[in-house]
C-alpha atoms as a PDB file:
ATOM      1  CA  GLY A   1     154.636  36.934 130.246  1.00  0.00           C
ATOM      2  CA  HIS A   2     156.838  34.004 131.094  1.00  0.00           C
ATOM      3  CA  ASP A   3     155.076  31.438 133.232  1.00  0.00           C
ATOM      4  CA  LYS A   4     157.249  30.595 136.223  1.00  0.00           C
ATOM      5  CA  GLN A   5     156.306  27.418 138.048  1.00  0.00           C
ATOM      6  CA  ALA A   6     157.754  26.641 141.440  1.00  0.00           C
ATOM      7  CA  GLY A   7     156.880  22.940 141.359  1.00  0.00           C
ATOM      8  CA  LEU A   8     159.268  20.232 140.202  1.00  0.00           C
ATOM      9  CA  GLY A   9     159.271  19.208 136.561  1.00  0.00           C
ATOM     10  CA  SER A  10     157.646  15.885 135.681  1.00  0.00           C
ATOM     11  CA  PRO A  11     159.282  13.837 132.945  1.00  0.00           C
ATOM     12  CA  GLN A  12     157.544  10.604 132.047  1.00  0.00           C
ATOM     13  CA  PRO A  13     158.251   7.826 134.588  1.00  0.00           C
ATOM     14  CA  ALA A  14     160.820   5.352 133.347  1.00  0.00           C
ATOM     15  CA  GLY A  15     161.313   2.986 136.248  1.00  0.00           C
ATOM     16  CA  PHE A  16     163.521   4.049 139.103  1.00  0.00           C
ATOM     17  CA  PRO A  17     167.128   3.852 137.856  1.00  0.00           C
ATOM     18  CA  ARG A  18     170.240   5.507 139.183  1.00  0.00           C
ATOM     19  CA  PRO A  19     172.199   8.053 137.120  1.00  0.00           C
ATOM     20  CA  THR A  20     174.021   6.298 134.305  1.00  0.00           C
ATOM     21  CA  SER A  21     175.808   9.001 132.313  1.00  0.00           C
ATOM     22  CA  ALA A  22     179.589   9.037 132.157  1.00  0.00           C
ATOM     23  CA  PRO A  23     181.265  11.299 134.743  1.00  0.00           C
ATOM     24  CA  ASP A  24     182.328  14.804 133.706  1.00  0.00           C
ATOM     25  CA  TYR A  25     185.120  14.784 136.273  1.00  0.00           C
ATOM     26  CA  ALA A  26     188.728  13.834 135.687  1.00  0.00           C
ATOM     27  CA  PRO A  27     190.173  10.863 137.607  1.00  0.00           C
ATOM     28  CA  GLY A  28     191.860  12.030 140.767  1.00  0.00           C
ATOM     29  CA  ASP A  29     189.581  14.999 141.349  1.00  0.00           C
ATOM     30  CA  SER A  30     188.732  15.549 144.983  1.00  0.00           C
ATOM     31  CA  PRO A  31     185.260  14.155 145.818  1.00  0.00           C
ATOM     32  CA  ARG A  32     184.490  17.421 147.619  1.00  0.00           C
ATOM     33  CA  GLY A  33     183.816  20.246 145.177  1.00  0.00           C
ATOM     34  CA  SER A  34     184.979  18.518 141.980  1.00  0.00           C
ATOM     35  CA  SER A  35     185.280  20.768 138.911  1.00  0.00           C
ATOM     36  CA  LEU A  36     183.422  20.350 135.643  1.00  0.00           C
ATOM     37  CA  HIS A  37     185.456  20.331 132.448  1.00  0.00           C
ATOM     38  CA  PHE A  38     184.374  23.286 130.302  1.00  0.00           C
ATOM     39  CA  GLU A  39     184.856  21.664 126.892  1.00  0.00           C
ATOM     40  CA  PRO A  40     183.311  24.157 124.439  1.00  0.00           C
ATOM     41  CA  PHE A  41     184.827  27.489 123.525  1.00  0.00           C
ATOM     42  CA  PHE A  42     182.069  29.915 122.640  1.00  0.00           C
ATOM     43  CA  VAL A  43     183.140  32.228 119.792  1.00  0.00           C
ATOM     44  CA  PRO A  44     180.694  35.114 119.200  1.00  0.00           C
ATOM     45  CA  ARG A  45     179.341  35.280 115.662  1.00  0.00           C
ATOM     46  CA  ASP A  46     178.381  38.499 113.903  1.00  0.00           C
ATOM     47  CA  PRO A  47     174.844  38.802 112.543  1.00  0.00           C
ATOM     48  CA  VAL A  48     174.407  38.085 108.848  1.00  0.00           C
ATOM     49  CA  ILE A  49     171.651  40.645 108.348  1.00  0.00           C
ATOM     50  CA  ARG A  50     170.425  43.697 110.222  1.00  0.00           C
ATOM     51  CA  GLU A  51     166.848  44.786 109.564  1.00  0.00           C
ATOM     52  CA  PRO A  52     165.737  47.056 112.444  1.00  0.00           C
ATOM     53  CA  ARG A  53     162.445  47.840 110.694  1.00  0.00           C
ATOM     54  CA  VAL A  54     161.290  44.215 110.885  1.00  0.00           C
ATOM     55  CA  ARG A  55     163.065  43.242 114.117  1.00  0.00           C
ATOM     56  CA  ASP A  56     159.825  42.355 115.917  1.00  0.00           C
ATOM     57  CA  GLU A  57     158.746  40.084 113.063  1.00  0.00           C
ATOM     58  CA  LEU A  58     162.166  38.408 112.949  1.00  0.00           C
ATOM     59  CA  GLN A  59     162.102  37.965 116.725  1.00  0.00           C
ATOM     60  CA  GLN A  60     158.701  36.274 116.668  1.00  0.00           C
ATOM     61  CA  LEU A  61     159.761  34.060 113.767  1.00  0.00           C
ATOM     62  CA  GLY A  62     162.898  33.079 115.690  1.00  0.00           C
ATOM     63  CA  ILE A  63     160.814  32.201 118.763  1.00  0.00           C
ATOM     64  CA  ASP A  64     158.475  30.090 116.627  1.00  0.00           C
ATOM     65  CA  ILE A  65     161.467  28.278 115.113  1.00  0.00           C
ATOM     66  CA  PHE A  66     162.978  27.747 118.601  1.00  0.00           C
ATOM     67  CA  ASN A  67     159.746  26.200 119.880  1.00  0.00           C
ATOM     68  CA  THR A  68     159.984  23.678 117.041  1.00  0.00           C
ATOM     69  CA  SER A  69     163.761  23.268 116.743  1.00  0.00           C
ATOM     70  CA  PRO A  70     165.700  25.107 119.486  1.00  0.00           C
ATOM     71  CA  GLY A  71     169.137  24.979 117.862  1.00  0.00           C
ATOM     72  CA  HIS A  72     167.857  26.397 114.594  1.00  0.00           C
ATOM     73  CA  GLY A  73     165.900  29.041 116.472  1.00  0.00           C
ATOM     74  CA  VAL A  74     168.969  30.300 118.328  1.00  0.00           C
ATOM     75  CA  ALA A  75     171.017  30.320 115.117  1.00  0.00           C
ATOM     76  CA  PHE A  76     168.303  32.312 113.332  1.00  0.00           C
ATOM     77  CA  LEU A  77     167.967  34.876 116.129  1.00  0.00           C
ATOM     78  CA  VAL A  78     171.735  35.451 116.186  1.00  0.00           C
ATOM     79  CA  ALA A  79     172.030  35.566 112.402  1.00  0.00           C
ATOM     80  CA  CYS A  80     169.294  38.213 112.229  1.00  0.00           C
ATOM     81  CA  GLY A  81     170.897  40.344 114.927  1.00  0.00           C
ATOM     82  CA  VAL A  82     167.964  39.916 117.321  1.00  0.00           C
ATOM     83  CA  ILE A  83     170.360  38.721 120.032  1.00  0.00           C
ATOM     84  CA  ARG A  84     174.143  38.746 120.337  1.00  0.00           C
ATOM     85  CA  ASP A  85     175.913  35.413 120.469  1.00  0.00           C
ATOM     86  CA  TYR A  86     176.804  35.476 124.165  1.00  0.00           C
ATOM     87  CA  PRO A  87     175.473  32.718 126.457  1.00  0.00           C
ATOM     88  CA  VAL A  88     174.121  35.040 129.147  1.00  0.00           C
ATOM     89  CA  GLU A  89     172.293  37.168 126.560  1.00  0.00           C
ATOM     90  CA  ILE A  90     170.843  34.152 124.768  1.00  0.00           C
ATOM     91  CA  ASN A  91     169.555  32.590 128.000  1.00  0.00           C
ATOM     92  CA  ASN A  92     168.130  35.865 129.295  1.00  0.00           C
ATOM     93  CA  PHE A  93     166.367  36.494 125.995  1.00  0.00           C
ATOM     94  CA  LEU A  94     164.859  33.005 125.795  1.00  0.00           C
ATOM     95  CA  LEU A  95     163.552  33.288 129.357  1.00  0.00           C
ATOM     96  CA  ARG A  96     162.298  36.846 128.958  1.00  0.00           C
ATOM     97  CA  VAL A  97     160.246  36.247 125.819  1.00  0.00           C
ATOM     98  CA  GLY A  98     158.602  33.123 127.182  1.00  0.00           C
ATOM     99  CA  THR A  99     159.847  30.383 124.889  1.00  0.00           C
ATOM    100  CA  ASP A 100     158.478  26.885 125.393  1.00  0.00           C
ATOM    101  CA  ARG A 101     159.701  25.636 128.804  1.00  0.00           C
ATOM    102  CA  THR A 102     159.952  22.038 127.597  1.00  0.00           C
ATOM    103  CA  LYS A 103     162.000  22.957 124.522  1.00  0.00           C
ATOM    104  CA  PHE A 104     164.268  25.164 126.641  1.00  0.00           C
ATOM    105  CA  GLY A 105     164.964  22.322 129.081  1.00  0.00           C
ATOM    106  CA  GLU A 106     165.506  19.802 126.286  1.00  0.00           C
ATOM    107  CA  PHE A 107     167.938  22.129 124.492  1.00  0.00           C
ATOM    108  CA  LEU A 108     170.013  22.888 127.598  1.00  0.00           C
ATOM    109  CA  ALA A 109     170.315  19.179 128.336  1.00  0.00           C
ATOM    110  CA  GLU A 110     171.640  18.216 124.902  1.00  0.00           C
ATOM    111  CA  ASP A 111     175.249  17.082 124.524  1.00  0.00           C
ATOM    112  CA  TYR A 112     176.068  19.646 121.812  1.00  0.00           C
ATOM    113  CA  PRO A 113     178.885  22.086 122.647  1.00  0.00           C
ATOM    114  CA  SER A 114     176.524  25.076 122.260  1.00  0.00           C
ATOM    115  CA  SER A 115     173.979  23.457 124.591  1.00  0.00           C
ATOM    116  CA  GLN A 116     176.676  22.674 127.136  1.00  0.00           C
ATOM    117  CA  THR A 117     177.848  26.286 127.099  1.00  0.00           C
ATOM    118  CA  LEU A 118     174.326  27.633 127.593  1.00  0.00           C
ATOM    119  CA  ARG A 119     173.625  24.991 130.240  1.00  0.00           C
ATOM    120  CA  LEU A 120     176.670  25.893 132.311  1.00  0.00           C
ATOM    121  CA  GLU A 121     175.879  29.600 132.037  1.00  0.00           C
ATOM    122  CA  PHE A 122     172.255  29.026 133.067  1.00  0.00           C
ATOM    123  CA  LEU A 123     173.082  26.746 136.003  1.00  0.00           C
ATOM    124  CA  ASN A 124     175.833  29.072 137.185  1.00  0.00           C
ATOM    125  CA  SER A 125     173.249  31.877 137.421  1.00  0.00           C
ATOM    126  CA  LEU A 126     170.872  29.948 139.700  1.00  0.00           C
ATOM    127  CA  PRO A 127     170.483  31.146 143.312  1.00  0.00           C
ATOM    128  CA  LEU A 128     171.167  27.791 144.977  1.00  0.00           C
ATOM    129  CA  LEU A 129     172.717  29.083 148.193  1.00  0.00           C
ATOM    130  CA  GLY A 130     170.729  27.918 151.199  1.00  0.00           C
ATOM    131  CA  THR A 131     168.676  25.352 149.302  1.00  0.00           C
ATOM    132  CA  GLY A 132     168.239  21.690 150.098  1.00  0.00           C
ATOM    133  CA  VAL A 133     167.836  18.888 147.573  1.00  0.00           C
ATOM    134  CA  VAL A 134     164.123  19.465 146.912  1.00  0.00           C
ATOM    135  CA  SER A 135     164.339  23.246 146.878  1.00  0.00           C
ATOM    136  CA  ALA A 136     167.404  23.142 144.583  1.00  0.00           C
ATOM    137  CA  LEU A 137     165.329  21.137 142.123  1.00  0.00           C
ATOM    138  CA  LYS A 138     162.527  23.682 142.360  1.00  0.00           C
ATOM    139  CA  VAL A 139     164.937  26.531 141.649  1.00  0.00           C
ATOM    140  CA  ALA A 140     166.539  24.702 138.721  1.00  0.00           C
ATOM    141  CA  LEU A 141     163.208  23.724 137.175  1.00  0.00           C
ATOM    142  CA  ARG A 142     161.394  27.016 137.733  1.00  0.00           C
ATOM    143  CA  GLU A 143     162.284  28.320 134.276  1.00  0.00           C
ATOM    144  CA  MET A 144     162.153  25.049 132.364  1.00  0.00           C
ATOM    145  CA  SER A 145     160.551  21.626 132.347  1.00  0.00           C
ATOM    146  CA  ALA A 146     162.649  18.563 133.036  1.00  0.00           C
ATOM    147  CA  PRO A 147     163.402  16.635 129.834  1.00  0.00           C
ATOM    148  CA  ALA A 148     161.523  13.402 129.195  1.00  0.00           C
ATOM    149  CA  ASP A 149     164.839  11.611 128.584  1.00  0.00           C
ATOM    150  CA  TRP A 150     166.394  10.660 131.919  1.00  0.00           C
ATOM    151  CA  ILE A 151     169.902  10.726 130.450  1.00  0.00           C
ATOM    152  CA  LYS A 152     169.327  14.422 129.707  1.00  0.00           C
ATOM    153  CA  VAL A 153     167.902  14.915 133.195  1.00  0.00           C
ATOM    154  CA  ASP A 154     171.039  13.317 134.609  1.00  0.00           C
ATOM    155  CA  ARG A 155     173.198  15.712 132.580  1.00  0.00           C
ATOM    156  CA  LEU A 156     171.333  18.730 133.970  1.00  0.00           C
ATOM    157  CA  LEU A 157     171.418  17.529 137.560  1.00  0.00           C
ATOM    158  CA  LYS A 158     175.149  16.871 137.442  1.00  0.00           C
ATOM    159  CA  GLY A 159     175.584  20.572 136.685  1.00  0.00           C
ATOM    160  CA  VAL A 160     173.126  21.597 139.419  1.00  0.00           C
ATOM    161  CA  ALA A 161     175.131  19.569 141.943  1.00  0.00           C
ATOM    162  CA  HIS A 162     178.393  21.153 140.819  1.00  0.00           C
ATOM    163  CA  PHE A 163     177.186  24.748 141.090  1.00  0.00           C
ATOM    164  CA  TRP A 164     175.282  24.096 144.340  1.00  0.00           C
ATOM    165  CA  TRP A 165     178.471  22.784 145.889  1.00  0.00           C
ATOM    166  CA  ARG A 166     180.610  25.616 144.534  1.00  0.00           C
ATOM    167  CA  GLN A 167     178.248  28.319 145.827  1.00  0.00           C
ATOM    168  CA  HIS A 168     178.379  26.822 149.313  1.00  0.00           C
ATOM    169  CA  GLU A 169     182.155  26.382 149.189  1.00  0.00           C
ATOM    170  CA  ASP A 170     182.454  30.042 148.186  1.00  0.00           C
ATOM    171  CA  GLU A 171     180.265  30.998 151.131  1.00  0.00           C
ATOM    172  CA  VAL A 172     182.604  29.189 153.505  1.00  0.00           C
ATOM    173  CA  SER A 173     185.815  30.475 151.898  1.00  0.00           C
ATOM    174  CA  GLU A 174     184.570  34.071 152.115  1.00  0.00           C
ATOM    175  CA  GLY A 175     184.155  33.648 155.839  1.00  0.00           C
ATOM    176  CA  HIS A 176     180.367  33.648 155.958  1.00  0.00           C
ATOM    177  CA  GLY A 177     180.019  30.024 157.005  1.00  0.00           C
ATOM    178  CA  ALA A 178     180.548  30.497 160.726  1.00  0.00           C
ATOM    179  CA  GLY A 179     176.976  31.562 161.434  1.00  0.00           C
ATOM    180  CA  PRO A 180     173.688  29.992 160.339  1.00  0.00           C
ATOM    181  CA  LEU A 181     172.784  30.335 156.663  1.00  0.00           C
ATOM    182  CA  GLN A 182     169.271  31.574 155.954  1.00  0.00           C
ATOM    183  CA  PRO A 183     167.271  28.813 154.226  1.00  0.00           C
ATOM    184  CA  HIS A 184     166.174  29.579 150.674  1.00  0.00           C
ATOM    185  CA  LEU A 185     162.576  30.756 150.244  1.00  0.00           C
ATOM    186  CA  ALA A 186     161.824  27.632 148.191  1.00  0.00           C
ATOM    187  CA  ALA A 187     162.995  25.322 150.994  1.00  0.00           C
ATOM    188  CA  SER A 188     160.591  23.268 153.062  1.00  0.00           C
ATOM    189  CA  ASP A 189     160.960  23.252 156.840  1.00  0.00           C
ATOM    190  CA  SER A 190     161.326  19.484 156.583  1.00  0.00           C
ATOM    191  CA  GLU A 191     164.516  19.264 154.515  1.00  0.00           C
ATOM    192  CA  ILE A 192     168.144  19.788 155.487  1.00  0.00           C
ATOM    193  CA  THR A 193     169.471  22.847 153.655  1.00  0.00           C
ATOM    194  CA  GLY A 194     172.572  24.901 152.917  1.00  0.00           C
ATOM    195  CA  LEU A 195     175.761  24.284 154.838  1.00  0.00           C
ATOM    196  CA  ASP A 196     174.039  21.713 157.078  1.00  0.00           C
ATOM    197  CA  LEU A 197     173.363  19.629 153.984  1.00  0.00           C
ATOM    198  CA  GLN A 198     176.888  20.130 152.668  1.00  0.00           C
ATOM    199  CA  ARG A 199     178.397  18.986 155.977  1.00  0.00           C
ATOM    200  CA  SER A 200     176.235  15.852 155.806  1.00  0.00           C
ATOM    201  CA  LEU A 201     177.544  14.787 152.382  1.00  0.00           C
ATOM    202  CA  LEU A 202     180.999  13.832 151.103  1.00  0.00           C
ATOM    203  CA  GLY A 203     180.906  15.633 147.770  1.00  0.00           C
ATOM    204  CA  THR A 204     179.199  16.594 144.531  1.00  0.00           C
ATOM    205  CA  ASP A 205     178.827  13.013 143.290  1.00  0.00           C
ATOM    206  CA  VAL A 206     176.452  11.975 146.059  1.00  0.00           C
ATOM    207  CA  LEU A 207     174.552  15.266 145.783  1.00  0.00           C
ATOM    208  CA  HIS A 208     174.105  14.559 142.071  1.00  0.00           C
ATOM    209  CA  ARG A 209     172.768  11.074 142.839  1.00  0.00           C
ATOM    210  CA  LEU A 210     170.431  12.444 145.518  1.00  0.00           C
ATOM    211  CA  LEU A 211     169.036  15.062 143.144  1.00  0.00           C
ATOM    212  CA  PHE A 212     168.383  12.388 140.532  1.00  0.00           C
ATOM    213  CA  SER A 213     166.818   9.959 142.988  1.00  0.00           C
ATOM    214  CA  THR A 214     164.651  12.705 144.488  1.00  0.00           C
ATOM    215  CA  LEU A 215     163.305  13.797 141.109  1.00  0.00           C
ATOM    216  CA  MET A 216     162.568  10.164 140.291  1.00  0.00           C
ATOM    217  CA  LEU A 217     160.697   9.841 143.595  1.00  0.00           C
ATOM    218  CA  GLN A 218     158.685  13.002 142.928  1.00  0.00           C
ATOM    219  CA  THR A 219     157.801  11.829 139.419  1.00  0.00           C
ATOM    220  CA  TYR A 220     156.845   8.383 140.694  1.00  0.00           C
ATOM    221  CA  VAL A 221     154.502   9.570 143.445  1.00  0.00           C
ATOM    222  CA  ALA A 222     153.020  12.263 141.171  1.00  0.00           C
ATOM    223  CA  THR A 223     151.525   9.437 139.061  1.00  0.00           C
ATOM    224  CA  GLY A 224     149.606   8.237 142.110  1.00  0.00           C
ATOM    225  CA  SER A 225     152.023   5.444 142.939  1.00  0.00           C
ATOM    226  CA  ALA A 226     153.078   4.909 146.533  1.00  0.00           C
ATOM    227  CA  MET A 227     156.568   4.497 147.933  1.00  0.00           C
ATOM    228  CA  SER A 228     157.473   4.427 151.603  1.00  0.00           C
ATOM    229  CA  LEU A 229     160.504   6.148 153.111  1.00  0.00           C
ATOM    230  CA  HIS A 230     162.002   2.722 153.826  1.00  0.00           C
ATOM    231  CA  GLU A 231     161.582   1.631 150.195  1.00  0.00           C
ATOM    232  CA  TRP A 232     163.131   4.839 148.876  1.00  0.00           C
ATOM    233  CA  ALA A 233     166.051   4.615 151.325  1.00  0.00           C
ATOM    234  CA  GLN A 234     166.686   1.042 150.147  1.00  0.00           C
ATOM    235  CA  LEU A 235     166.941   2.283 146.557  1.00  0.00           C
ATOM    236  CA  ASN A 236     169.533   4.819 147.755  1.00  0.00           C
ATOM    237  CA  THR A 237     171.684   2.191 149.448  1.00  0.00           C
ATOM    238  CA  GLY A 238     175.402   2.744 148.816  1.00  0.00           C
ATOM    239  CA  ILE A 239     175.156   5.961 146.771  1.00  0.00           C
ATOM    240  CA  GLU A 240     177.542   7.854 149.047  1.00  0.00           C
ATOM    241  CA  ALA A 241     181.303   7.723 148.485  1.00  0.00           C
ATOM    242  CA  GLY A 242     182.857   4.331 149.177  1.00  0.00           C
ATOM    243  CA  GLY A 243     179.499   2.576 148.905  1.00  0.00           C
ATOM    244  CA  THR A 244     178.231   4.010 152.178  1.00  0.00           C
ATOM    245  CA  ASP A 245     174.760   5.433 152.791  1.00  0.00           C
ATOM    246  CA  VAL A 246     173.485   8.988 152.920  1.00  0.00           C
ATOM    247  CA  PRO A 247     172.613   9.888 156.553  1.00  0.00           C
ATOM    248  CA  MET A 248     169.041   8.887 157.295  1.00  0.00           C
ATOM    249  CA  HIS A 249     168.052  12.298 158.634  1.00  0.00           C
ATOM    250  CA  VAL A 250     168.926  13.810 155.248  1.00  0.00           C
ATOM    251  CA  GLN A 251     166.833  11.249 153.356  1.00  0.00           C
ATOM    252  CA  THR A 252     163.945  11.625 155.798  1.00  0.00           C
ATOM    253  CA  GLY A 253     163.861  15.398 155.308  1.00  0.00           C
ATOM    254  CA  ILE A 254     163.863  15.030 151.518  1.00  0.00           C
ATOM    255  CA  TYR A 255     161.109  12.424 151.621  1.00  0.00           C
ATOM    256  CA  LYS A 256     158.900  14.568 153.856  1.00  0.00           C
ATOM    257  CA  ALA A 257     159.427  17.639 151.639  1.00  0.00           C
ATOM    258  CA  ILE A 258     158.386  15.643 148.563  1.00  0.00           C
ATOM    259  CA  MET A 259     155.303  14.262 150.281  1.00  0.00           C
ATOM    260  CA  GLU A 260     154.234  17.751 151.334  1.00  0.00           C
ATOM    261  CA  ASP A 261     153.899  18.653 147.644  1.00  0.00           C
ATOM    262  CA  VAL A 262     151.854  15.586 146.667  1.00  0.00           C
ATOM    263  CA  PRO A 263     148.215  16.583 146.031  1.00  0.00           C
END
């Protein structure tokens, strides 16, 4: 079966930088709930061959190819009619059959149009409502490992921030935001979650930066290195809109939630 891990992914430490990838948002977008630009247009392809008698063998061969070269593996599985060329079906298949979690994460984080389409479909399906920063990372990285390349990590987390924000905006617009929102099961009691977190931030950009900084912190302390709350907060100086700081109670909750998971 597919091995689901609730802990955060652990790419190799590479210092403690801030996100550096170019923004996916058009100039003039509102800082609250900015929209991603959906560049690729996914055109379903028909299978080249259909061999029902050897479908299981073709499926296993496709999985083996995916675990070596994900793009070629997907192309092979579609060409053989094992899966239809629809993003939701491809993602569900790859998760169901237990493909390599590292290869899956690396493939989704690529800058290819097909990877971007699958990435947006996957992130859109995540149950992020009611999560905080740490628990949102746990949800996002439950089915895959974080890429070793921090530029790819940044690309993934930008999408997580977008869909987290949109799910909470939808909750408010549908009239469910008046009462308290039940925290997600993955959330620690220490962190600020859900609509309380959204009200504490000015938009998706700062949430994206917080997600990135938090994963960097988790990766750093997982190696046995130490970092105090004060040191981490200093690294986060000015990441909110207009060069201001994220409220300290938000950073404190994130820091405590991370430290609870350190062995």
